[in-house]
Each structure stands twice: as structure tokens, then as C-alpha cells.
Amino acid sequence: MEDERNPPEAFSVLKEELRSYEPDLLTRPFLVALSKSDLVLEGTEQDAQVKEWRAELTQLSGLEHIPLVSGVSGQGLEGLLDQIIAELDSPPSGIAKDEVAETKAFLAWVRDNHFTFLGYRGYRLERKGDQDYSKIDEKSGLGVLRNVLPESIKRTKTPSPVSGRARPRMTALTGRFSAPA
């Protein structure tokens, strides 16, 4: 696989970062999925590695199932959305019922192919003096956000409205919504 990181290791690191940053987040419901499943051919060494990672992640997370998903082929995404929608049947306390209902309806709408992913770009917050600034992760761009344009760089020259404590990693997603057929 192109990405040589170890997902169970990355999951453990993420849990430790959450424990240090905001321990309350560890008490909230979560799902874990392995992406780029389109790159794994059944019966190969990679397939054996993915099975091993799934077993380790199941043990580390306490979850019964670790789905395989692919943003390229769409494999597993419908099931993952269904799993998220099902989790919202028992939402965390403090979330308004109408907000949960709206979120479930939106996710069902996305699952039913009314959303086209157009692009993604990762950002990092960097502290300069007493201000936070967004720095573009230039290797993260996908789709229409693949190339970093001068206008994008210009926007990173002004302080970010997002505080570093509030959002350790920002992500920009863009998409096109279509009306139901």
C-alpha cells in the first residue's frame, strides 16, 4: 500500500493525544474504518496485513466490526453511513432531538447518492505570536483542491478565526449537492 503507517499504532497515538488534549472526547461514541480498500487484492500479502490490522483495531477499540471503505470505489461507504445513522438512534445526551433527526436525514440523503465529492485539503494551525494561522498541507489536496492557488495562499496570511485549542486539525471538504431524482 502507498501509506506505510500502521493503523493500530495510529489509533493508539490518537487515543493518547485525545487523553492529553481533551479526555472527555474519549467517552463519546466513535467508529473506526480502514480506508483505501480498493488497493487491497484478496489473497495477497496486503490482504493478510489488513486482516491483522482489523483484528488489532477490534481489540484496541472494543468495537465488534472495523469496516473497509474506499473513497475511490465507494466500497463500504453506504454501510458506514448506515452504521453512523444507527448510532444516532442512541445519541449522546445534550444533543437536541431535532438536530439528531436533521443529521440522520442528511446522512441518509448523502447515502442515497445526492452528494458528489469535489475536493479535500488539510490544514494545520500554526501559532505566530498570539495569533493562529492556517497553513495548507500542500500534499493533502484532492480533486478541485489538489492544486494550491495563489488565492488560497493569500487567505493563510490572515489570522485564523479557529483557535488552536478548539481545532487541532482542520479539514476543508467541498462538494456538489444534487436534488433527488
N, C-alpha and C. Protein backbone atom coordinates (compact mmCIF):
# COMPACT_ATOMS: atom_id res chain seq x y z
N MET A 1 0.85 -1.18 0.00
CA MET A 1 0.00 0.00 0.00
C MET A 1 0.89 1.24 0.00
N GLU A 2 0.36 2.33 -0.52
CA GLU A 2 1.13 3.56 -0.59
C GLU A 2 1.45 4.12 0.79
N ASP A 3 0.50 4.03 1.70
CA ASP A 3 0.66 4.60 3.03
C ASP A 3 1.23 3.53 3.94
N GLU A 4 2.42 3.76 4.45
CA GLU A 4 3.09 2.74 5.24
C GLU A 4 2.81 2.86 6.73
N ARG A 5 1.92 3.76 7.13
CA ARG A 5 1.61 3.87 8.55
C ARG A 5 0.87 2.63 9.03
N ASN A 6 0.99 2.38 10.29
CA ASN A 6 0.33 1.24 10.91
C ASN A 6 -0.96 1.74 11.56
N PRO A 7 -2.14 1.39 11.02
CA PRO A 7 -3.39 1.91 11.58
C PRO A 7 -3.61 1.63 13.07
N PRO A 8 -3.31 0.42 13.58
CA PRO A 8 -3.49 0.24 15.03
C PRO A 8 -2.59 1.16 15.84
N GLU A 9 -1.35 1.37 15.37
CA GLU A 9 -0.44 2.29 16.05
C GLU A 9 -1.00 3.71 16.00
N ALA A 10 -1.49 4.11 14.82
CA ALA A 10 -2.05 5.46 14.66
C ALA A 10 -3.27 5.64 15.57
N PHE A 11 -4.09 4.61 15.71
CA PHE A 11 -5.25 4.67 16.59
C PHE A 11 -4.81 4.85 18.04
N SER A 12 -3.79 4.13 18.45
CA SER A 12 -3.26 4.26 19.82
C SER A 12 -2.72 5.66 20.07
N VAL A 13 -1.99 6.20 19.09
CA VAL A 13 -1.45 7.56 19.21
C VAL A 13 -2.59 8.56 19.32
N LEU A 14 -3.61 8.40 18.49
CA LEU A 14 -4.77 9.30 18.53
C LEU A 14 -5.44 9.26 19.90
N LYS A 15 -5.62 8.06 20.45
CA LYS A 15 -6.23 7.96 21.79
C LYS A 15 -5.38 8.68 22.84
N GLU A 16 -4.06 8.54 22.76
CA GLU A 16 -3.18 9.22 23.71
C GLU A 16 -3.25 10.74 23.55
N GLU A 17 -3.31 11.21 22.30
CA GLU A 17 -3.44 12.65 22.07
C GLU A 17 -4.75 13.17 22.63
N LEU A 18 -5.83 12.41 22.43
CA LEU A 18 -7.12 12.81 22.98
C LEU A 18 -7.08 12.82 24.50
N ARG A 19 -6.43 11.81 25.07
CA ARG A 19 -6.31 11.74 26.53
C ARG A 19 -5.59 12.98 27.07
N SER A 20 -4.57 13.45 26.34
CA SER A 20 -3.81 14.64 26.76
C SER A 20 -4.56 15.92 26.46
N TYR A 21 -5.24 15.96 25.33
CA TYR A 21 -5.88 17.19 24.85
C TYR A 21 -7.25 17.41 25.49
N GLU A 22 -8.10 16.40 25.39
CA GLU A 22 -9.48 16.54 25.86
C GLU A 22 -10.02 15.16 26.23
N PRO A 23 -9.74 14.69 27.45
CA PRO A 23 -10.12 13.33 27.85
C PRO A 23 -11.61 13.03 27.70
N ASP A 24 -12.45 14.05 27.80
CA ASP A 24 -13.89 13.85 27.66
C ASP A 24 -14.25 13.26 26.29
N LEU A 25 -13.45 13.58 25.28
CA LEU A 25 -13.74 13.06 23.94
C LEU A 25 -13.64 11.54 23.89
N LEU A 26 -12.85 10.96 24.77
CA LEU A 26 -12.70 9.50 24.79
C LEU A 26 -13.95 8.79 25.29
N THR A 27 -14.85 9.52 25.94
CA THR A 27 -16.07 8.91 26.45
C THR A 27 -17.20 8.93 25.42
N ARG A 28 -16.98 9.60 24.32
CA ARG A 28 -18.02 9.72 23.29
C ARG A 28 -18.00 8.52 22.35
N PRO A 29 -19.15 8.22 21.75
CA PRO A 29 -19.20 7.11 20.79
C PRO A 29 -18.29 7.40 19.60
N PHE A 30 -17.74 6.35 19.01
CA PHE A 30 -16.88 6.52 17.84
C PHE A 30 -16.95 5.29 16.96
N LEU A 31 -16.54 5.45 15.73
CA LEU A 31 -16.42 4.36 14.77
C LEU A 31 -15.01 4.39 14.21
N VAL A 32 -14.53 3.25 13.79
CA VAL A 32 -13.21 3.15 13.15
C VAL A 32 -13.41 2.41 11.83
N ALA A 33 -12.79 2.91 10.77
CA ALA A 33 -12.84 2.25 9.46
C ALA A 33 -11.45 2.30 8.85
N LEU A 34 -11.13 1.29 8.05
CA LEU A 34 -9.88 1.27 7.29
C LEU A 34 -10.19 1.71 5.87
N SER A 35 -9.48 2.73 5.40
CA SER A 35 -9.74 3.24 4.06
C SER A 35 -8.77 2.67 3.04
N LYS A 36 -8.96 3.09 1.79
CA LYS A 36 -8.15 2.65 0.65
C LYS A 36 -8.30 1.15 0.39
N SER A 37 -9.47 0.61 0.67
CA SER A 37 -9.69 -0.83 0.49
C SER A 37 -9.60 -1.22 -0.98
N ASP A 38 -9.76 -0.26 -1.89
CA ASP A 38 -9.65 -0.56 -3.32
C ASP A 38 -8.24 -0.97 -3.71
N LEU A 39 -7.25 -0.70 -2.87
CA LEU A 39 -5.86 -1.04 -3.17
C LEU A 39 -5.49 -2.45 -2.71
N VAL A 40 -6.40 -3.13 -2.02
CA VAL A 40 -6.10 -4.43 -1.45
C VAL A 40 -6.76 -5.54 -2.27
N LEU A 41 -5.96 -6.43 -2.81
CA LEU A 41 -6.49 -7.55 -3.57
C LEU A 41 -6.60 -8.76 -2.65
N GLU A 42 -7.73 -9.45 -2.75
CA GLU A 42 -7.98 -10.61 -1.90
C GLU A 42 -6.90 -11.68 -2.12
N GLY A 43 -6.46 -12.26 -1.00
CA GLY A 43 -5.48 -13.34 -1.05
C GLY A 43 -4.04 -12.89 -1.15
N THR A 44 -3.79 -11.59 -1.11
CA THR A 44 -2.42 -11.09 -1.21
C THR A 44 -1.84 -10.87 0.19
N GLU A 45 -0.56 -10.52 0.22
CA GLU A 45 0.10 -10.20 1.49
C GLU A 45 -0.58 -8.98 2.13
N GLN A 46 -0.97 -8.03 1.29
CA GLN A 46 -1.67 -6.84 1.80
C GLN A 46 -2.99 -7.23 2.46
N ASP A 47 -3.69 -8.17 1.85
CA ASP A 47 -4.96 -8.64 2.40
C ASP A 47 -4.75 -9.23 3.79
N ALA A 48 -3.69 -10.04 3.93
CA ALA A 48 -3.37 -10.64 5.23
C ALA A 48 -3.05 -9.55 6.25
N GLN A 49 -2.31 -8.50 5.82
CA GLN A 49 -1.96 -7.39 6.71
C GLN A 49 -3.21 -6.64 7.16
N VAL A 50 -4.13 -6.41 6.24
CA VAL A 50 -5.38 -5.70 6.57
C VAL A 50 -6.19 -6.52 7.57
N LYS A 51 -6.25 -7.83 7.39
CA LYS A 51 -6.98 -8.69 8.34
C LYS A 51 -6.35 -8.60 9.73
N GLU A 52 -5.03 -8.58 9.77
CA GLU A 52 -4.32 -8.45 11.05
C GLU A 52 -4.64 -7.10 11.70
N TRP A 53 -4.60 -6.02 10.89
CA TRP A 53 -4.91 -4.69 11.41
C TRP A 53 -6.34 -4.62 11.94
N ARG A 54 -7.27 -5.23 11.21
CA ARG A 54 -8.68 -5.21 11.66
C ARG A 54 -8.81 -5.91 13.01
N ALA A 55 -8.13 -7.04 13.17
CA ALA A 55 -8.18 -7.76 14.44
C ALA A 55 -7.60 -6.91 15.57
N GLU A 56 -6.45 -6.27 15.30
CA GLU A 56 -5.83 -5.42 16.32
C GLU A 56 -6.73 -4.23 16.67
N LEU A 57 -7.31 -3.60 15.63
CA LEU A 57 -8.18 -2.44 15.88
C LEU A 57 -9.45 -2.84 16.63
N THR A 58 -9.95 -4.02 16.35
CA THR A 58 -11.12 -4.52 17.07
C THR A 58 -10.79 -4.64 18.55
N GLN A 59 -9.62 -5.19 18.85
CA GLN A 59 -9.20 -5.35 20.24
C GLN A 59 -8.94 -3.99 20.90
N LEU A 60 -8.22 -3.09 20.21
CA LEU A 60 -7.89 -1.78 20.78
C LEU A 60 -9.11 -0.89 20.99
N SER A 61 -10.06 -0.97 20.06
CA SER A 61 -11.21 -0.06 20.09
C SER A 61 -12.37 -0.61 20.90
N GLY A 62 -12.44 -1.93 21.03
CA GLY A 62 -13.60 -2.54 21.68
C GLY A 62 -14.81 -2.63 20.76
N LEU A 63 -14.62 -2.29 19.50
CA LEU A 63 -15.71 -2.36 18.52
C LEU A 63 -15.80 -3.77 17.95
N GLU A 64 -17.01 -4.17 17.56
CA GLU A 64 -17.18 -5.52 17.02
C GLU A 64 -16.76 -5.62 15.56
N HIS A 65 -16.86 -4.50 14.83
CA HIS A 65 -16.63 -4.54 13.39
C HIS A 65 -15.83 -3.32 12.95
N ILE A 66 -14.80 -3.56 12.16
CA ILE A 66 -14.00 -2.48 11.57
C ILE A 66 -14.21 -2.58 10.06
N PRO A 67 -15.05 -1.70 9.50
CA PRO A 67 -15.34 -1.80 8.07
C PRO A 67 -14.17 -1.36 7.20
N LEU A 68 -14.13 -1.91 5.99
CA LEU A 68 -13.19 -1.48 4.96
C LEU A 68 -13.94 -0.55 4.03
N VAL A 69 -13.35 0.61 3.73
CA VAL A 69 -14.02 1.57 2.86
C VAL A 69 -13.04 2.08 1.79
N SER A 70 -13.61 2.60 0.73
CA SER A 70 -12.82 3.21 -0.34
C SER A 70 -13.53 4.44 -0.85
N GLY A 71 -12.85 5.56 -0.78
CA GLY A 71 -13.39 6.78 -1.35
C GLY A 71 -13.37 6.74 -2.86
N VAL A 72 -12.48 5.95 -3.44
CA VAL A 72 -12.36 5.85 -4.89
C VAL A 72 -13.50 5.01 -5.47
N SER A 73 -13.68 3.81 -4.94
CA SER A 73 -14.70 2.90 -5.50
C SER A 73 -16.05 3.03 -4.79
N GLY A 74 -16.04 3.63 -3.60
CA GLY A 74 -17.28 3.73 -2.83
C GLY A 74 -17.55 2.50 -1.97
N GLN A 75 -16.68 1.49 -2.07
CA GLN A 75 -16.86 0.25 -1.30
C GLN A 75 -17.00 0.55 0.18
N GLY A 76 -18.04 0.02 0.80
CA GLY A 76 -18.22 0.12 2.24
C GLY A 76 -18.77 1.43 2.76
N LEU A 77 -18.86 2.45 1.91
CA LEU A 77 -19.30 3.76 2.41
C LEU A 77 -20.79 3.77 2.78
N GLU A 78 -21.61 3.09 1.99
CA GLU A 78 -23.03 3.03 2.30
C GLU A 78 -23.25 2.34 3.65
N GLY A 79 -22.55 1.24 3.88
CA GLY A 79 -22.66 0.54 5.15
C GLY A 79 -22.16 1.38 6.31
N LEU A 80 -21.07 2.13 6.09
CA LEU A 80 -20.54 3.00 7.13
C LEU A 80 -21.55 4.10 7.48
N LEU A 81 -22.17 4.69 6.46
CA LEU A 81 -23.20 5.70 6.73
C LEU A 81 -24.38 5.08 7.48
N ASP A 82 -24.77 3.87 7.08
CA ASP A 82 -25.86 3.19 7.80
C ASP A 82 -25.49 2.97 9.26
N GLN A 83 -24.23 2.62 9.51
CA GLN A 83 -23.76 2.39 10.88
C GLN A 83 -23.81 3.70 11.69
N ILE A 84 -23.39 4.80 11.07
CA ILE A 84 -23.44 6.10 11.75
C ILE A 84 -24.88 6.48 12.04
N ILE A 85 -25.77 6.30 11.07
CA ILE A 85 -27.20 6.62 11.26
C ILE A 85 -27.76 5.79 12.41
N ALA A 86 -27.41 4.49 12.45
CA ALA A 86 -27.90 3.62 13.53
C ALA A 86 -27.38 4.07 14.89
N GLU A 87 -26.11 4.53 14.93
CA GLU A 87 -25.54 5.03 16.19
C GLU A 87 -26.33 6.23 16.70
N LEU A 88 -26.88 7.01 15.79
CA LEU A 88 -27.64 8.20 16.18
C LEU A 88 -29.02 7.86 16.75
N ASP A 89 -29.40 6.58 16.71
CA ASP A 89 -30.65 6.17 17.37
C ASP A 89 -30.51 6.31 18.89
N SER A 90 -29.28 6.28 19.38
CA SER A 90 -28.99 6.48 20.80
C SER A 90 -27.94 7.59 20.92
N PRO A 91 -28.34 8.83 20.64
CA PRO A 91 -27.35 9.92 20.63
C PRO A 91 -26.84 10.25 22.03
N PRO A 92 -25.68 10.89 22.09
CA PRO A 92 -25.17 11.34 23.39
C PRO A 92 -26.13 12.34 24.01
N SER A 93 -26.17 12.40 25.32
CA SER A 93 -27.07 13.34 25.98
C SER A 93 -26.65 14.77 25.67
N GLY A 94 -27.61 15.66 25.71
CA GLY A 94 -27.33 17.06 25.48
C GLY A 94 -27.48 17.51 24.04
N ILE A 95 -27.79 16.59 23.14
CA ILE A 95 -28.00 16.96 21.75
C ILE A 95 -29.50 16.98 21.48
N ALA A 96 -29.97 18.09 20.94
CA ALA A 96 -31.40 18.27 20.69
C ALA A 96 -31.92 17.22 19.71
N LYS A 97 -33.14 16.71 19.99
CA LYS A 97 -33.73 15.67 19.14
C LYS A 97 -33.88 16.12 17.69
N ASP A 98 -34.24 17.39 17.48
CA ASP A 98 -34.41 17.88 16.10
C ASP A 98 -33.07 17.94 15.37
N GLU A 99 -31.98 18.20 16.10
CA GLU A 99 -30.65 18.22 15.50
C GLU A 99 -30.24 16.81 15.09
N VAL A 100 -30.53 15.83 15.93
CA VAL A 100 -30.22 14.44 15.62
C VAL A 100 -31.03 13.99 14.40
N ALA A 101 -32.31 14.34 14.38
CA ALA A 101 -33.18 13.96 13.25
C ALA A 101 -32.68 14.59 11.94
N GLU A 102 -32.28 15.85 12.01
CA GLU A 102 -31.76 16.53 10.81
C GLU A 102 -30.46 15.88 10.33
N THR A 103 -29.58 15.53 11.26
CA THR A 103 -28.32 14.89 10.91
C THR A 103 -28.57 13.53 10.26
N LYS A 104 -29.47 12.74 10.85
CA LYS A 104 -29.80 11.43 10.29
C LYS A 104 -30.39 11.57 8.88
N ALA A 105 -31.27 12.54 8.69
CA ALA A 105 -31.87 12.76 7.37
C ALA A 105 -30.81 13.16 6.35
N PHE A 106 -29.88 14.04 6.76
CA PHE A 106 -28.82 14.46 5.85
C PHE A 106 -27.93 13.28 5.47
N LEU A 107 -27.52 12.47 6.44
CA LEU A 107 -26.66 11.32 6.16
C LEU A 107 -27.36 10.31 5.26
N ALA A 108 -28.66 10.11 5.47
CA ALA A 108 -29.42 9.20 4.58
C ALA A 108 -29.47 9.77 3.16
N TRP A 109 -29.62 11.07 3.06
CA TRP A 109 -29.65 11.75 1.76
C TRP A 109 -28.30 11.58 1.05
N VAL A 110 -27.20 11.75 1.78
CA VAL A 110 -25.86 11.55 1.21
C VAL A 110 -25.70 10.09 0.78
N ARG A 111 -26.12 9.17 1.64
CA ARG A 111 -26.01 7.73 1.34
C ARG A 111 -26.77 7.37 0.07
N ASP A 112 -27.85 8.08 -0.19
CA ASP A 112 -28.68 7.80 -1.37
C ASP A 112 -28.18 8.52 -2.62
N ASN A 113 -26.89 8.87 -2.63
CA ASN A 113 -26.19 9.41 -3.80
C ASN A 113 -26.64 10.79 -4.24
N HIS A 114 -26.89 11.67 -3.29
CA HIS A 114 -27.24 13.05 -3.64
C HIS A 114 -26.08 13.99 -3.36
N PHE A 115 -24.89 13.46 -3.20
CA PHE A 115 -23.72 14.28 -2.90
C PHE A 115 -22.57 13.81 -3.79
N THR A 116 -21.87 14.75 -4.40
CA THR A 116 -20.69 14.44 -5.19
C THR A 116 -19.49 15.11 -4.54
N PHE A 117 -18.52 14.32 -4.15
CA PHE A 117 -17.31 14.85 -3.52
C PHE A 117 -16.47 15.53 -4.59
N LEU A 118 -16.13 16.78 -4.36
CA LEU A 118 -15.33 17.52 -5.34
C LEU A 118 -13.89 17.74 -4.90
N GLY A 119 -13.64 17.84 -3.59
CA GLY A 119 -12.27 18.09 -3.19
C GLY A 119 -12.06 18.06 -1.69
N TYR A 120 -10.79 18.00 -1.33
CA TYR A 120 -10.37 17.94 0.07
C TYR A 120 -9.02 18.64 0.17
N ARG A 121 -8.80 19.30 1.30
CA ARG A 121 -7.48 19.85 1.60
C ARG A 121 -7.32 19.89 3.11
N GLY A 122 -6.17 19.47 3.59
CA GLY A 122 -5.86 19.52 5.02
C GLY A 122 -5.13 20.81 5.36
N TYR A 123 -5.34 21.29 6.57
CA TYR A 123 -4.68 22.49 7.08
C TYR A 123 -4.11 22.18 8.46
N ARG A 124 -3.07 22.90 8.82
CA ARG A 124 -2.54 22.84 10.18
C ARG A 124 -2.61 24.25 10.75
N LEU A 125 -2.89 24.33 12.03
CA LEU A 125 -2.85 25.63 12.69
C LEU A 125 -1.46 25.85 13.23
N GLU A 126 -0.91 27.03 12.94
CA GLU A 126 0.41 27.39 13.44
C GLU A 126 0.28 28.67 14.25
N ARG A 127 0.95 28.70 15.36
CA ARG A 127 0.91 29.85 16.26
C ARG A 127 2.03 30.81 15.90
N LYS A 128 1.70 32.07 15.66
CA LYS A 128 2.69 33.13 15.42
C LYS A 128 2.34 34.25 16.38
N GLY A 129 3.19 34.42 17.40
CA GLY A 129 2.87 35.40 18.44
C GLY A 129 1.64 34.94 19.20
N ASP A 130 0.63 35.78 19.25
CA ASP A 130 -0.60 35.41 19.94
C ASP A 130 -1.73 35.08 18.98
N GLN A 131 -1.40 34.81 17.71
CA GLN A 131 -2.41 34.52 16.69
C GLN A 131 -2.20 33.12 16.10
N ASP A 132 -3.30 32.48 15.71
CA ASP A 132 -3.24 31.21 14.99
C ASP A 132 -3.43 31.49 13.51
N TYR A 133 -2.65 30.78 12.68
CA TYR A 133 -2.74 30.92 11.24
C TYR A 133 -2.92 29.53 10.63
N SER A 134 -3.74 29.45 9.58
CA SER A 134 -3.92 28.19 8.86
C SER A 134 -2.79 28.01 7.89
N LYS A 135 -2.15 26.83 7.92
CA LYS A 135 -1.10 26.51 6.96
C LYS A 135 -1.59 25.33 6.14
N ILE A 136 -1.54 25.48 4.83
CA ILE A 136 -2.02 24.43 3.92
C ILE A 136 -1.04 23.26 3.93
N ASP A 137 -1.59 22.06 4.08
CA ASP A 137 -0.81 20.84 3.90
C ASP A 137 -0.80 20.57 2.40
N GLU A 138 0.26 21.01 1.71
CA GLU A 138 0.29 21.02 0.25
C GLU A 138 0.19 19.65 -0.39
N LYS A 139 0.52 18.60 0.33
CA LYS A 139 0.44 17.26 -0.25
C LYS A 139 -0.92 16.60 -0.01
N SER A 140 -1.83 17.29 0.65
CA SER A 140 -3.11 16.66 1.03
C SER A 140 -4.22 16.88 0.02
N GLY A 141 -4.06 17.81 -0.91
CA GLY A 141 -5.16 18.18 -1.79
C GLY A 141 -5.64 17.07 -2.71
N LEU A 142 -6.96 16.98 -2.82
CA LEU A 142 -7.59 16.02 -3.72
C LEU A 142 -8.64 16.76 -4.55
N GLY A 143 -8.91 16.25 -5.74
CA GLY A 143 -9.96 16.82 -6.57
C GLY A 143 -9.71 18.27 -6.91
N VAL A 144 -10.76 19.10 -6.81
CA VAL A 144 -10.63 20.51 -7.18
C VAL A 144 -9.72 21.28 -6.23
N LEU A 145 -9.36 20.71 -5.11
CA LEU A 145 -8.44 21.36 -4.17
C LEU A 145 -7.03 20.78 -4.25
N ARG A 146 -6.75 20.02 -5.30
CA ARG A 146 -5.44 19.39 -5.46
C ARG A 146 -4.33 20.43 -5.60
N ASN A 147 -4.55 21.44 -6.44
CA ASN A 147 -3.54 22.48 -6.67
C ASN A 147 -3.76 23.64 -5.70
N VAL A 148 -2.67 24.12 -5.15
CA VAL A 148 -2.73 25.27 -4.24
C VAL A 148 -2.60 26.54 -5.10
N LEU A 149 -3.66 27.32 -5.11
CA LEU A 149 -3.69 28.55 -5.91
C LEU A 149 -3.21 29.74 -5.08
N PRO A 150 -2.74 30.79 -5.76
CA PRO A 150 -2.30 31.99 -5.03
C PRO A 150 -3.37 32.55 -4.09
N GLU A 151 -4.65 32.47 -4.49
CA GLU A 151 -5.73 32.96 -3.63
C GLU A 151 -5.80 32.18 -2.32
N SER A 152 -5.52 30.88 -2.41
CA SER A 152 -5.54 30.03 -1.20
C SER A 152 -4.41 30.43 -0.26
N ILE A 153 -3.24 30.66 -0.82
CA ILE A 153 -2.09 31.06 0.00
C ILE A 153 -2.35 32.42 0.64
N LYS A 154 -2.97 33.33 -0.11
CA LYS A 154 -3.28 34.67 0.40
C LYS A 154 -4.16 34.58 1.65
N ARG A 155 -5.13 33.65 1.65
CA ARG A 155 -6.04 33.51 2.81
C ARG A 155 -5.31 33.02 4.05
N THR A 156 -4.17 32.37 3.89
CA THR A 156 -3.43 31.87 5.05
C THR A 156 -2.59 32.96 5.71
N LYS A 157 -2.55 34.14 5.11
CA LYS A 157 -1.74 35.25 5.65
C LYS A 157 -2.48 36.03 6.74
N THR A 158 -3.79 35.79 6.88
CA THR A 158 -4.55 36.47 7.92
C THR A 158 -4.83 35.50 9.06
N PRO A 159 -4.96 36.00 10.29
CA PRO A 159 -5.22 35.10 11.42
C PRO A 159 -6.46 34.25 11.21
N SER A 160 -6.38 33.03 11.65
CA SER A 160 -7.49 32.10 11.54
C SER A 160 -8.53 32.38 12.62
N PRO A 161 -9.82 32.31 12.28
CA PRO A 161 -10.84 32.51 13.30
C PRO A 161 -10.99 31.29 14.22
N VAL A 162 -10.32 30.18 13.87
CA VAL A 162 -10.39 28.95 14.66
C VAL A 162 -9.21 28.90 15.61
N SER A 163 -9.49 28.78 16.89
CA SER A 163 -8.41 28.73 17.87
C SER A 163 -7.73 27.37 17.84
N GLY A 164 -6.44 27.34 18.08
CA GLY A 164 -5.67 26.09 18.09
C GLY A 164 -6.18 25.12 19.13
N ARG A 165 -6.70 25.60 20.22
CA ARG A 165 -7.23 24.71 21.26
C ARG A 165 -8.53 24.08 20.81
N ALA A 166 -9.30 24.83 20.01
CA ALA A 166 -10.61 24.33 19.57
C ALA A 166 -10.48 23.28 18.47
N ARG A 167 -9.54 23.46 17.56
CA ARG A 167 -9.42 22.57 16.42
C ARG A 167 -7.96 22.26 16.12
N PRO A 168 -7.42 21.13 16.60
CA PRO A 168 -6.02 20.83 16.35
C PRO A 168 -5.74 20.53 14.88
N ARG A 169 -6.71 20.10 14.12
CA ARG A 169 -6.53 19.80 12.69
C ARG A 169 -7.80 20.22 11.98
N MET A 170 -7.65 21.02 10.96
CA MET A 170 -8.81 21.46 10.19
C MET A 170 -8.80 20.74 8.85
N THR A 171 -9.97 20.52 8.31
CA THR A 171 -10.11 19.89 7.02
C THR A 171 -11.11 20.69 6.21
N ALA A 172 -10.81 20.90 4.95
CA ALA A 172 -11.75 21.57 4.06
C ALA A 172 -12.28 20.51 3.10
N LEU A 173 -13.59 20.39 3.06
CA LEU A 173 -14.24 19.49 2.11
C LEU A 173 -15.15 20.35 1.26
N THR A 174 -15.25 20.02 0.01
CA THR A 174 -16.19 20.73 -0.84
C THR A 174 -16.94 19.69 -1.64
N GLY A 175 -18.16 19.98 -1.93
CA GLY A 175 -18.96 19.02 -2.67
C GLY A 175 -20.07 19.70 -3.41
N ARG A 176 -20.72 18.92 -4.25
CA ARG A 176 -21.85 19.43 -5.02
C ARG A 176 -23.07 18.63 -4.58
N PHE A 177 -24.10 19.33 -4.24
CA PHE A 177 -25.33 18.67 -3.84
C PHE A 177 -26.27 18.63 -5.02
N SER A 178 -26.93 17.52 -5.19
CA SER A 178 -27.89 17.41 -6.29
C SER A 178 -29.26 17.10 -5.72
N ALA A 179 -30.25 17.54 -6.41
CA ALA A 179 -31.62 17.28 -5.97
C ALA A 179 -31.96 15.82 -6.20
N PRO A 180 -32.83 15.26 -5.36
CA PRO A 180 -33.23 13.87 -5.56
C PRO A 180 -33.84 13.67 -6.95
N ALA A 181 -33.55 12.53 -7.56
CA ALA A 181 -34.07 12.25 -8.90
C ALA A 181 -35.53 11.90 -8.84
